[in-house]
Amino acid sequence: MDPELEAFIPLFPRADLTDPVAERKNFAELAAAVPAPDTSGMEVEDRMMPADPDVLAQSQQEDDGSRRTTATRTDAPDEACEILGTPRPAGGSPVAS
């Protein structure tokens, strides 16, 4: 496990896995209670990339020029991965890799 993420595990509430249906409901309620992030000053672009299976890519660019891209397989929406440091020449399109 990533050591940076491992430090956050104690912050999560303990789960009672004897009743997974109830725990999913509890977790959904906790997640719904978290305020949505402020996306003002952020440009968000979604693109469907044809593949087998298709991949949804979301690119987020902040006013300061920083960029974050995530990719999610359409057959496994809970398994998103972040693509860090997407190269982008000044004023141009992303660099093909």
Protein backbone atom coordinates (compact mmCIF):
# COMPACT_ATOMS: atom_id res chain seq x y z
CA MET A 1 0.00 0.00 0.00
CA ASP A 2 1.15 3.54 -0.75
CA PRO A 3 2.58 4.91 2.54
CA GLU A 4 1.04 8.34 1.88
CA LEU A 5 -2.43 6.77 1.69
CA GLU A 6 -1.84 4.34 4.56
CA ALA A 7 -1.65 7.28 6.98
CA PHE A 8 -5.32 8.08 6.27
CA ILE A 9 -6.71 4.62 7.11
CA PRO A 10 -7.25 5.42 10.81
CA LEU A 11 -9.43 8.37 9.78
CA PHE A 12 -12.03 6.09 8.20
CA PRO A 13 -14.82 4.76 10.41
CA ARG A 14 -14.64 1.09 11.35
CA ALA A 15 -16.75 -1.06 9.07
CA ASP A 16 -19.01 -3.88 10.25
CA LEU A 17 -18.49 -6.32 7.41
CA THR A 18 -20.95 -8.84 8.84
CA ASP A 19 -23.68 -6.84 7.03
CA PRO A 20 -22.18 -5.58 3.73
CA VAL A 21 -25.50 -4.17 2.47
CA ALA A 22 -25.91 -1.99 5.56
CA GLU A 23 -22.25 -0.93 5.40
CA ARG A 24 -22.63 0.14 1.75
CA LYS A 25 -25.61 2.25 2.80
CA ASN A 26 -23.68 3.77 5.71
CA PHE A 27 -20.68 4.53 3.50
CA ALA A 28 -22.93 6.11 0.84
CA GLU A 29 -24.48 8.35 3.50
CA LEU A 30 -21.02 9.39 4.72
CA ALA A 31 -19.87 10.11 1.18
CA ALA A 32 -23.02 12.15 0.44
CA ALA A 33 -22.38 14.28 3.53
CA VAL A 34 -18.99 15.45 2.21
CA PRO A 35 -19.33 18.80 0.43
CA ALA A 36 -18.51 18.85 -3.26
CA PRO A 37 -15.13 20.38 -4.07
CA ASP A 38 -14.99 23.95 -5.35
CA THR A 39 -14.48 23.66 -9.10
CA SER A 40 -14.72 27.36 -9.90
CA GLY A 41 -11.57 28.33 -11.74
CA MET A 42 -11.24 24.80 -13.11
CA GLU A 43 -11.85 23.58 -16.63
CA VAL A 44 -13.14 19.99 -16.72
CA GLU A 45 -13.24 17.97 -19.91
CA ASP A 46 -14.61 14.42 -20.28
CA ARG A 47 -13.67 12.25 -23.25
CA MET A 48 -14.63 8.69 -24.11
CA MET A 49 -11.68 6.88 -25.63
CA PRO A 50 -12.56 3.88 -27.77
CA ALA A 51 -10.91 0.74 -26.51
CA ASP A 52 -11.90 -2.72 -25.38
CA PRO A 53 -13.45 -1.84 -22.98
CA ASP A 54 -13.95 1.89 -23.56
CA VAL A 55 -12.12 4.26 -21.22
CA LEU A 56 -13.53 7.51 -19.84
CA ALA A 57 -10.81 10.14 -19.43
CA GLN A 58 -11.41 13.29 -17.40
CA SER A 59 -8.96 16.14 -17.60
CA GLN A 60 -9.03 18.96 -15.03
CA GLN A 61 -7.01 22.12 -15.55
CA GLU A 62 -6.76 24.80 -12.87
CA ASP A 63 -6.32 28.52 -13.48
CA ASP A 64 -2.63 28.19 -12.55
CA GLY A 65 -2.13 25.80 -15.49
CA SER A 66 -1.76 22.66 -13.38
CA ARG A 67 -3.46 19.63 -14.88
CA ARG A 68 -4.77 16.36 -13.51
CA THR A 69 -6.08 13.53 -15.66
CA THR A 70 -7.92 10.40 -14.56
CA ALA A 71 -8.88 7.38 -16.63
CA THR A 72 -11.66 4.93 -15.80
CA ARG A 73 -12.50 1.69 -17.61
CA THR A 74 -16.22 1.63 -18.41
CA ASP A 75 -16.48 -1.99 -17.28
CA ALA A 76 -14.91 -1.17 -13.87
CA PRO A 77 -16.04 2.36 -12.90
CA ASP A 78 -14.76 1.98 -9.32
CA GLU A 79 -11.21 1.39 -10.55
CA ALA A 80 -10.14 4.87 -11.71
CA CYS A 81 -6.46 5.61 -11.99
CA GLU A 82 -4.77 8.98 -12.01
CA ILE A 83 -2.36 9.90 -14.76
CA LEU A 84 0.09 12.42 -13.36
CA GLY A 85 1.94 15.09 -15.27
CA THR A 86 0.22 14.85 -18.63
CA PRO A 87 2.71 16.67 -20.89
CA ARG A 88 1.26 19.65 -22.73
CA PRO A 89 3.30 22.08 -24.80
CA ALA A 90 2.49 25.77 -24.30
CA GLY A 91 -0.72 26.54 -26.18
CA GLY A 92 -0.82 23.09 -27.76
CA SER A 93 -2.40 19.70 -27.55
CA PRO A 94 -1.28 16.97 -25.17
CA VAL A 95 1.83 15.18 -26.34
CA ALA A 96 1.10 11.69 -27.63
CA SER A 97 2.89 8.99 -25.70
